[in-house]
Each structure stands twice: as structure tokens, then as C-alpha cells.
Amino acid sequence: MDPTKALWRKSSYSGATSSNCLECSSAAWHTSSYSNGNGGECVEYAQLPSSVAVRDSKHPHAGHLSFSGAEWSAFLTAVKAARL
């Protein structure tokens, strides 16, 4: 994830005159190209600095799974080879 393109938000605890600020960014979630919007099996993924996160697009607040780069690559290889 390119931090210059992230959606940064200033913490509500940061004062207007204080230089002690905390900014955080939310992940940019992408919908699977196989999602059709008709209630099918849909997943979303987000590229994070050191991992890839995956979640159910119908229940995005239910949490996500995180994969290292190597794990994500192995998972995609297995899916493409129809081993999963």
C-alpha cells in the first residue's frame, strides 16, 4: 500500500494547537473480480504494508484474515490450479 495514496484521518484526541497528533489510515478494500453483486460468494481484499487482508464483502465488520505475501501467493496459486 502506498502511504501517500492512503485516506489519512486525524485522531479526535489531537488538539487544534498541539503538535502531538496521531493520524491513521483505513485499508483500501477491493472486491473480487468474480463478485457479481447478485448475492454470490463475494470476498474483498486489501493490500497492507506487510500482508494481505481478506474479508467477506457481505459481512465486512465481522473481521478479516491476514496472509503474509508468501501465504497469499501460495493461496492464489492453489485456487488458480483448482486445488481448493
N, C-alpha and C. Protein backbone atom coordinates (compact mmCIF):
# COMPACT_ATOMS: atom_id res chain seq x y z
N MET A 1 0.84 -1.17 0.00
CA MET A 1 0.00 0.00 0.00
C MET A 1 0.88 1.22 0.00
N ASP A 2 0.62 2.13 -0.89
CA ASP A 2 1.37 3.38 -0.98
C ASP A 2 0.80 4.36 0.04
N PRO A 3 1.56 4.71 1.10
CA PRO A 3 1.03 5.59 2.14
C PRO A 3 0.66 6.98 1.65
N THR A 4 1.21 7.40 0.52
CA THR A 4 0.85 8.73 0.00
C THR A 4 -0.54 8.72 -0.62
N LYS A 5 -1.07 7.55 -0.93
CA LYS A 5 -2.41 7.45 -1.52
C LYS A 5 -3.45 6.97 -0.51
N ALA A 6 -3.04 6.80 0.73
CA ALA A 6 -3.95 6.33 1.77
C ALA A 6 -4.91 7.45 2.17
N LEU A 7 -6.04 7.06 2.73
CA LEU A 7 -7.01 8.02 3.25
C LEU A 7 -6.68 8.26 4.72
N TRP A 8 -5.96 9.33 5.02
CA TRP A 8 -5.50 9.60 6.37
C TRP A 8 -6.54 10.40 7.13
N ARG A 9 -6.71 10.09 8.43
CA ARG A 9 -7.64 10.81 9.30
C ARG A 9 -6.90 11.22 10.56
N LYS A 10 -7.14 12.43 11.01
CA LYS A 10 -6.52 12.91 12.25
C LYS A 10 -7.32 12.38 13.43
N SER A 11 -6.62 11.92 14.45
CA SER A 11 -7.27 11.40 15.64
C SER A 11 -8.14 12.47 16.30
N SER A 12 -9.28 12.06 16.82
CA SER A 12 -10.17 13.00 17.51
C SER A 12 -9.55 13.47 18.83
N TYR A 13 -8.50 12.81 19.28
CA TYR A 13 -7.82 13.21 20.51
C TYR A 13 -6.73 14.25 20.27
N SER A 14 -6.49 14.59 19.02
CA SER A 14 -5.48 15.60 18.70
C SER A 14 -6.09 16.98 18.88
N GLY A 15 -5.43 17.82 19.65
CA GLY A 15 -5.92 19.18 19.85
C GLY A 15 -5.56 20.07 18.67
N ALA A 16 -6.29 21.16 18.53
CA ALA A 16 -6.07 22.08 17.41
C ALA A 16 -4.72 22.79 17.52
N THR A 17 -4.22 22.98 18.73
CA THR A 17 -2.96 23.70 18.91
C THR A 17 -1.79 22.79 19.24
N SER A 18 -2.04 21.52 19.38
CA SER A 18 -0.99 20.58 19.75
C SER A 18 -0.32 19.98 18.52
N SER A 19 0.98 19.77 18.63
CA SER A 19 1.69 19.09 17.54
C SER A 19 1.75 17.58 17.79
N ASN A 20 1.19 17.13 18.90
CA ASN A 20 1.15 15.70 19.22
C ASN A 20 -0.09 15.08 18.58
N CYS A 21 0.03 14.73 17.35
CA CYS A 21 -1.11 14.21 16.60
C CYS A 21 -0.87 12.76 16.20
N LEU A 22 -1.94 12.05 16.09
CA LEU A 22 -1.90 10.69 15.58
C LEU A 22 -2.81 10.64 14.37
N GLU A 23 -2.28 10.19 13.26
CA GLU A 23 -3.10 10.02 12.07
C GLU A 23 -3.14 8.54 11.74
N CYS A 24 -4.28 8.08 11.29
CA CYS A 24 -4.41 6.68 10.93
C CYS A 24 -5.07 6.57 9.56
N SER A 25 -4.86 5.47 8.94
CA SER A 25 -5.39 5.25 7.60
C SER A 25 -6.18 3.96 7.58
N SER A 26 -7.28 3.98 6.86
CA SER A 26 -8.03 2.74 6.69
C SER A 26 -7.54 2.03 5.44
N ALA A 27 -7.69 0.73 5.43
CA ALA A 27 -7.26 -0.05 4.27
C ALA A 27 -8.19 0.21 3.09
N ALA A 28 -7.63 0.17 1.90
CA ALA A 28 -8.43 0.29 0.68
C ALA A 28 -8.85 -1.11 0.26
N TRP A 29 -10.12 -1.43 0.46
CA TRP A 29 -10.63 -2.76 0.15
C TRP A 29 -11.06 -2.83 -1.30
N HIS A 30 -10.77 -3.96 -1.94
CA HIS A 30 -11.11 -4.20 -3.34
C HIS A 30 -11.99 -5.44 -3.42
N THR A 31 -13.00 -5.39 -4.27
CA THR A 31 -13.91 -6.52 -4.44
C THR A 31 -13.35 -7.48 -5.48
N SER A 32 -13.54 -8.74 -5.23
CA SER A 32 -13.09 -9.77 -6.16
C SER A 32 -13.70 -9.55 -7.54
N SER A 33 -12.94 -9.81 -8.58
CA SER A 33 -13.45 -9.68 -9.95
C SER A 33 -14.52 -10.72 -10.25
N TYR A 34 -14.64 -11.74 -9.40
CA TYR A 34 -15.67 -12.77 -9.58
C TYR A 34 -16.98 -12.41 -8.88
N SER A 35 -17.01 -11.31 -8.14
CA SER A 35 -18.23 -10.88 -7.47
C SER A 35 -19.16 -10.25 -8.50
N ASN A 36 -20.42 -10.64 -8.46
CA ASN A 36 -21.35 -10.13 -9.45
C ASN A 36 -22.44 -9.24 -8.88
N GLY A 37 -22.47 -9.01 -7.59
CA GLY A 37 -23.48 -8.15 -7.00
C GLY A 37 -24.85 -8.79 -6.84
N ASN A 38 -24.99 -10.05 -7.18
CA ASN A 38 -26.27 -10.75 -7.08
C ASN A 38 -26.33 -11.67 -5.87
N GLY A 39 -25.56 -11.38 -4.84
CA GLY A 39 -25.60 -12.19 -3.63
C GLY A 39 -24.75 -13.44 -3.70
N GLY A 40 -23.83 -13.49 -4.64
CA GLY A 40 -22.95 -14.65 -4.77
C GLY A 40 -21.89 -14.67 -3.70
N GLU A 41 -20.98 -15.61 -3.83
CA GLU A 41 -19.86 -15.73 -2.90
C GLU A 41 -18.88 -14.59 -3.17
N CYS A 42 -18.82 -13.61 -2.30
CA CYS A 42 -18.01 -12.41 -2.54
C CYS A 42 -16.94 -12.24 -1.46
N VAL A 43 -15.76 -11.90 -1.89
CA VAL A 43 -14.69 -11.57 -0.96
C VAL A 43 -14.08 -10.23 -1.36
N GLU A 44 -13.47 -9.58 -0.39
CA GLU A 44 -12.74 -8.34 -0.62
C GLU A 44 -11.33 -8.55 -0.10
N TYR A 45 -10.38 -7.84 -0.67
CA TYR A 45 -9.01 -7.93 -0.20
C TYR A 45 -8.43 -6.53 -0.08
N ALA A 46 -7.44 -6.40 0.79
CA ALA A 46 -6.74 -5.13 0.97
C ALA A 46 -5.25 -5.42 1.06
N GLN A 47 -4.48 -4.70 0.30
CA GLN A 47 -3.02 -4.82 0.33
C GLN A 47 -2.52 -3.95 1.48
N LEU A 48 -1.90 -4.55 2.47
CA LEU A 48 -1.35 -3.85 3.62
C LEU A 48 0.17 -3.83 3.51
N PRO A 49 0.86 -3.03 4.32
CA PRO A 49 2.32 -2.94 4.18
C PRO A 49 3.06 -4.28 4.25
N SER A 50 2.63 -5.18 5.12
CA SER A 50 3.37 -6.45 5.25
C SER A 50 2.48 -7.68 5.09
N SER A 51 1.24 -7.49 4.63
CA SER A 51 0.34 -8.62 4.48
C SER A 51 -0.81 -8.26 3.54
N VAL A 52 -1.65 -9.25 3.29
CA VAL A 52 -2.88 -9.05 2.52
C VAL A 52 -4.03 -9.49 3.43
N ALA A 53 -5.05 -8.65 3.54
CA ALA A 53 -6.21 -8.97 4.36
C ALA A 53 -7.37 -9.38 3.45
N VAL A 54 -8.16 -10.35 3.90
CA VAL A 54 -9.30 -10.85 3.13
C VAL A 54 -10.51 -10.89 4.07
N ARG A 55 -11.67 -10.46 3.54
CA ARG A 55 -12.89 -10.48 4.35
C ARG A 55 -14.11 -10.79 3.48
N ASP A 56 -15.20 -11.13 4.12
CA ASP A 56 -16.48 -11.39 3.45
C ASP A 56 -17.11 -10.05 3.13
N SER A 57 -17.41 -9.79 1.87
CA SER A 57 -17.97 -8.50 1.48
C SER A 57 -19.38 -8.29 2.02
N LYS A 58 -20.09 -9.37 2.34
CA LYS A 58 -21.44 -9.23 2.89
C LYS A 58 -21.42 -8.95 4.39
N HIS A 59 -20.30 -9.23 5.04
CA HIS A 59 -20.17 -9.02 6.49
C HIS A 59 -18.80 -8.39 6.79
N PRO A 60 -18.54 -7.18 6.28
CA PRO A 60 -17.21 -6.59 6.41
C PRO A 60 -16.78 -6.29 7.85
N HIS A 61 -17.75 -6.12 8.76
CA HIS A 61 -17.39 -5.81 10.14
C HIS A 61 -17.16 -7.06 10.98
N ALA A 62 -17.28 -8.24 10.37
CA ALA A 62 -17.10 -9.50 11.10
C ALA A 62 -15.63 -9.88 11.26
N GLY A 63 -14.73 -9.09 10.71
CA GLY A 63 -13.31 -9.38 10.82
C GLY A 63 -12.71 -9.79 9.49
N HIS A 64 -11.44 -10.09 9.52
CA HIS A 64 -10.72 -10.48 8.30
C HIS A 64 -9.62 -11.47 8.63
N LEU A 65 -9.11 -12.10 7.60
CA LEU A 65 -7.95 -12.99 7.72
C LEU A 65 -6.77 -12.27 7.10
N SER A 66 -5.60 -12.40 7.70
CA SER A 66 -4.39 -11.78 7.16
C SER A 66 -3.42 -12.86 6.70
N PHE A 67 -2.83 -12.63 5.54
CA PHE A 67 -1.86 -13.56 4.96
C PHE A 67 -0.56 -12.82 4.70
N SER A 68 0.56 -13.47 4.94
CA SER A 68 1.85 -12.89 4.53
C SER A 68 1.89 -12.93 3.01
N GLY A 69 2.84 -12.25 2.42
CA GLY A 69 2.97 -12.26 0.96
C GLY A 69 3.15 -13.66 0.41
N ALA A 70 3.98 -14.47 1.07
CA ALA A 70 4.22 -15.85 0.62
C ALA A 70 2.96 -16.70 0.75
N GLU A 71 2.24 -16.54 1.86
CA GLU A 71 1.00 -17.31 2.06
C GLU A 71 -0.06 -16.93 1.02
N TRP A 72 -0.18 -15.63 0.75
CA TRP A 72 -1.16 -15.15 -0.23
C TRP A 72 -0.83 -15.69 -1.62
N SER A 73 0.43 -15.66 -1.98
CA SER A 73 0.87 -16.17 -3.28
C SER A 73 0.56 -17.66 -3.41
N ALA A 74 0.84 -18.43 -2.35
CA ALA A 74 0.56 -19.87 -2.37
C ALA A 74 -0.94 -20.12 -2.46
N PHE A 75 -1.73 -19.33 -1.76
CA PHE A 75 -3.19 -19.47 -1.80
C PHE A 75 -3.71 -19.21 -3.21
N LEU A 76 -3.27 -18.11 -3.84
CA LEU A 76 -3.72 -17.80 -5.20
C LEU A 76 -3.30 -18.88 -6.20
N THR A 77 -2.09 -19.39 -6.04
CA THR A 77 -1.61 -20.46 -6.92
C THR A 77 -2.50 -21.70 -6.79
N ALA A 78 -2.86 -22.06 -5.56
CA ALA A 78 -3.72 -23.22 -5.32
C ALA A 78 -5.12 -23.01 -5.89
N VAL A 79 -5.66 -21.81 -5.73
CA VAL A 79 -7.00 -21.52 -6.26
C VAL A 79 -6.99 -21.59 -7.78
N LYS A 80 -6.00 -20.98 -8.40
CA LYS A 80 -5.91 -20.98 -9.87
C LYS A 80 -5.72 -22.38 -10.43
N ALA A 81 -5.09 -23.25 -9.67
CA ALA A 81 -4.88 -24.64 -10.11
C ALA A 81 -6.05 -25.54 -9.73
N ALA A 82 -7.11 -24.94 -9.17
CA ALA A 82 -8.32 -25.67 -8.74
C ALA A 82 -8.01 -26.73 -7.70
N ARG A 83 -7.02 -26.46 -6.84
CA ARG A 83 -6.70 -27.40 -5.76
C ARG A 83 -7.49 -27.07 -4.50
N LEU A 84 -8.18 -25.96 -4.48
CA LEU A 84 -9.00 -25.59 -3.32
C LEU A 84 -10.45 -25.47 -3.72
